[in-house]
Amino acid sequence: MPKRIFDSQLRKVGNSYVITIPITLVKKFKLKPKKLLTLTLEDED
């Protein structure tokens, strides 16, 4: 099971859905615009 790093609420913007990433993680991983990220989701049922 992947480790939970942070929680974020899903928001609708136009025809898309977005999440925000805390600035601490942006700095830690040196994220830049257009950087490809992998998101892992697990069903909580």
N, C-alpha and C. Protein backbone atom coordinates (compact mmCIF):
# COMPACT_ATOMS: atom_id res chain seq x y z
N MET A 1 0.85 -1.17 0.00
CA MET A 1 0.00 0.00 0.00
C MET A 1 0.90 1.24 0.00
N PRO A 2 0.64 2.20 -0.92
CA PRO A 2 1.44 3.43 -0.94
C PRO A 2 1.23 4.25 0.33
N LYS A 3 2.26 4.96 0.73
CA LYS A 3 2.18 5.83 1.90
C LYS A 3 1.40 7.10 1.55
N ARG A 4 0.51 7.50 2.44
CA ARG A 4 -0.26 8.74 2.24
C ARG A 4 0.66 9.91 2.53
N ILE A 5 0.81 10.82 1.56
CA ILE A 5 1.69 11.96 1.71
C ILE A 5 0.89 13.20 2.10
N PHE A 6 -0.25 13.42 1.47
CA PHE A 6 -1.08 14.56 1.81
C PHE A 6 -2.50 14.30 1.32
N ASP A 7 -3.43 15.05 1.87
CA ASP A 7 -4.83 14.98 1.44
C ASP A 7 -5.17 16.26 0.69
N SER A 8 -5.97 16.12 -0.35
CA SER A 8 -6.37 17.28 -1.14
C SER A 8 -7.78 17.05 -1.65
N GLN A 9 -8.55 18.11 -1.69
CA GLN A 9 -9.92 18.01 -2.19
C GLN A 9 -9.95 18.20 -3.70
N LEU A 10 -10.69 17.36 -4.38
CA LEU A 10 -10.87 17.45 -5.83
C LEU A 10 -11.80 18.61 -6.13
N ARG A 11 -11.40 19.47 -7.09
CA ARG A 11 -12.20 20.64 -7.46
C ARG A 11 -12.48 20.61 -8.95
N LYS A 12 -13.62 21.14 -9.35
CA LYS A 12 -13.96 21.24 -10.77
C LYS A 12 -13.58 22.63 -11.26
N VAL A 13 -12.84 22.68 -12.36
CA VAL A 13 -12.44 23.93 -13.00
C VAL A 13 -12.75 23.78 -14.49
N GLY A 14 -13.77 24.49 -14.96
CA GLY A 14 -14.18 24.34 -16.35
C GLY A 14 -14.67 22.92 -16.58
N ASN A 15 -14.10 22.25 -17.59
CA ASN A 15 -14.47 20.86 -17.90
C ASN A 15 -13.51 19.85 -17.29
N SER A 16 -12.63 20.30 -16.40
CA SER A 16 -11.63 19.42 -15.80
C SER A 16 -11.78 19.38 -14.29
N TYR A 17 -11.11 18.42 -13.68
CA TYR A 17 -11.02 18.33 -12.22
C TYR A 17 -9.56 18.49 -11.84
N VAL A 18 -9.31 19.20 -10.74
CA VAL A 18 -7.93 19.48 -10.33
C VAL A 18 -7.74 19.21 -8.84
N ILE A 19 -6.50 18.94 -8.46
CA ILE A 19 -6.10 18.91 -7.06
C ILE A 19 -4.92 19.86 -6.92
N THR A 20 -4.71 20.35 -5.72
CA THR A 20 -3.55 21.21 -5.48
C THR A 20 -2.50 20.42 -4.70
N ILE A 21 -1.25 20.75 -4.94
CA ILE A 21 -0.12 20.10 -4.28
C ILE A 21 0.51 21.12 -3.34
N PRO A 22 0.72 20.76 -2.09
CA PRO A 22 1.31 21.71 -1.14
C PRO A 22 2.70 22.19 -1.61
N ILE A 23 3.00 23.44 -1.35
CA ILE A 23 4.26 24.04 -1.78
C ILE A 23 5.46 23.29 -1.21
N THR A 24 5.30 22.70 -0.03
CA THR A 24 6.41 21.94 0.55
C THR A 24 6.81 20.77 -0.33
N LEU A 25 5.83 20.11 -0.95
CA LEU A 25 6.13 18.99 -1.85
C LEU A 25 6.66 19.49 -3.19
N VAL A 26 6.15 20.62 -3.65
CA VAL A 26 6.65 21.20 -4.90
C VAL A 26 8.14 21.49 -4.77
N LYS A 27 8.52 22.08 -3.64
CA LYS A 27 9.94 22.39 -3.40
C LYS A 27 10.77 21.14 -3.18
N LYS A 28 10.25 20.21 -2.37
CA LYS A 28 11.00 18.99 -2.04
C LYS A 28 11.35 18.20 -3.29
N PHE A 29 10.39 18.07 -4.22
CA PHE A 29 10.61 17.28 -5.42
C PHE A 29 10.99 18.12 -6.64
N LYS A 30 11.20 19.43 -6.40
CA LYS A 30 11.61 20.35 -7.46
C LYS A 30 10.67 20.27 -8.67
N LEU A 31 9.38 20.33 -8.39
CA LEU A 31 8.37 20.24 -9.44
C LEU A 31 8.31 21.54 -10.24
N LYS A 32 8.08 21.40 -11.52
CA LYS A 32 7.96 22.54 -12.43
C LYS A 32 6.69 22.36 -13.25
N PRO A 33 6.15 23.45 -13.81
CA PRO A 33 4.99 23.33 -14.69
C PRO A 33 5.26 22.35 -15.82
N LYS A 34 4.25 21.61 -16.21
CA LYS A 34 4.29 20.60 -17.27
C LYS A 34 5.06 19.34 -16.89
N LYS A 35 5.50 19.23 -15.63
CA LYS A 35 6.17 18.02 -15.16
C LYS A 35 5.13 16.90 -15.10
N LEU A 36 5.46 15.74 -15.61
CA LEU A 36 4.56 14.59 -15.59
C LEU A 36 4.60 13.94 -14.21
N LEU A 37 3.42 13.78 -13.60
CA LEU A 37 3.30 13.17 -12.28
C LEU A 37 2.45 11.91 -12.38
N THR A 38 2.70 10.97 -11.48
CA THR A 38 1.88 9.77 -11.38
C THR A 38 1.08 9.84 -10.09
N LEU A 39 -0.21 9.66 -10.21
CA LEU A 39 -1.11 9.71 -9.06
C LEU A 39 -1.65 8.31 -8.82
N THR A 40 -1.50 7.80 -7.59
CA THR A 40 -2.01 6.49 -7.24
C THR A 40 -3.20 6.66 -6.31
N LEU A 41 -4.33 6.06 -6.68
CA LEU A 41 -5.56 6.14 -5.88
C LEU A 41 -5.94 4.76 -5.40
N GLU A 42 -6.50 4.69 -4.22
CA GLU A 42 -7.00 3.44 -3.69
C GLU A 42 -8.44 3.61 -3.26
N ASP A 43 -9.26 2.62 -3.50
CA ASP A 43 -10.65 2.65 -3.07
C ASP A 43 -10.70 2.43 -1.56
N GLU A 44 -11.42 3.29 -0.85
CA GLU A 44 -11.48 3.20 0.61
C GLU A 44 -12.58 2.26 1.09
N ASP A 45 -13.29 1.59 0.20
CA ASP A 45 -14.37 0.67 0.61
C ASP A 45 -13.85 -0.54 1.32
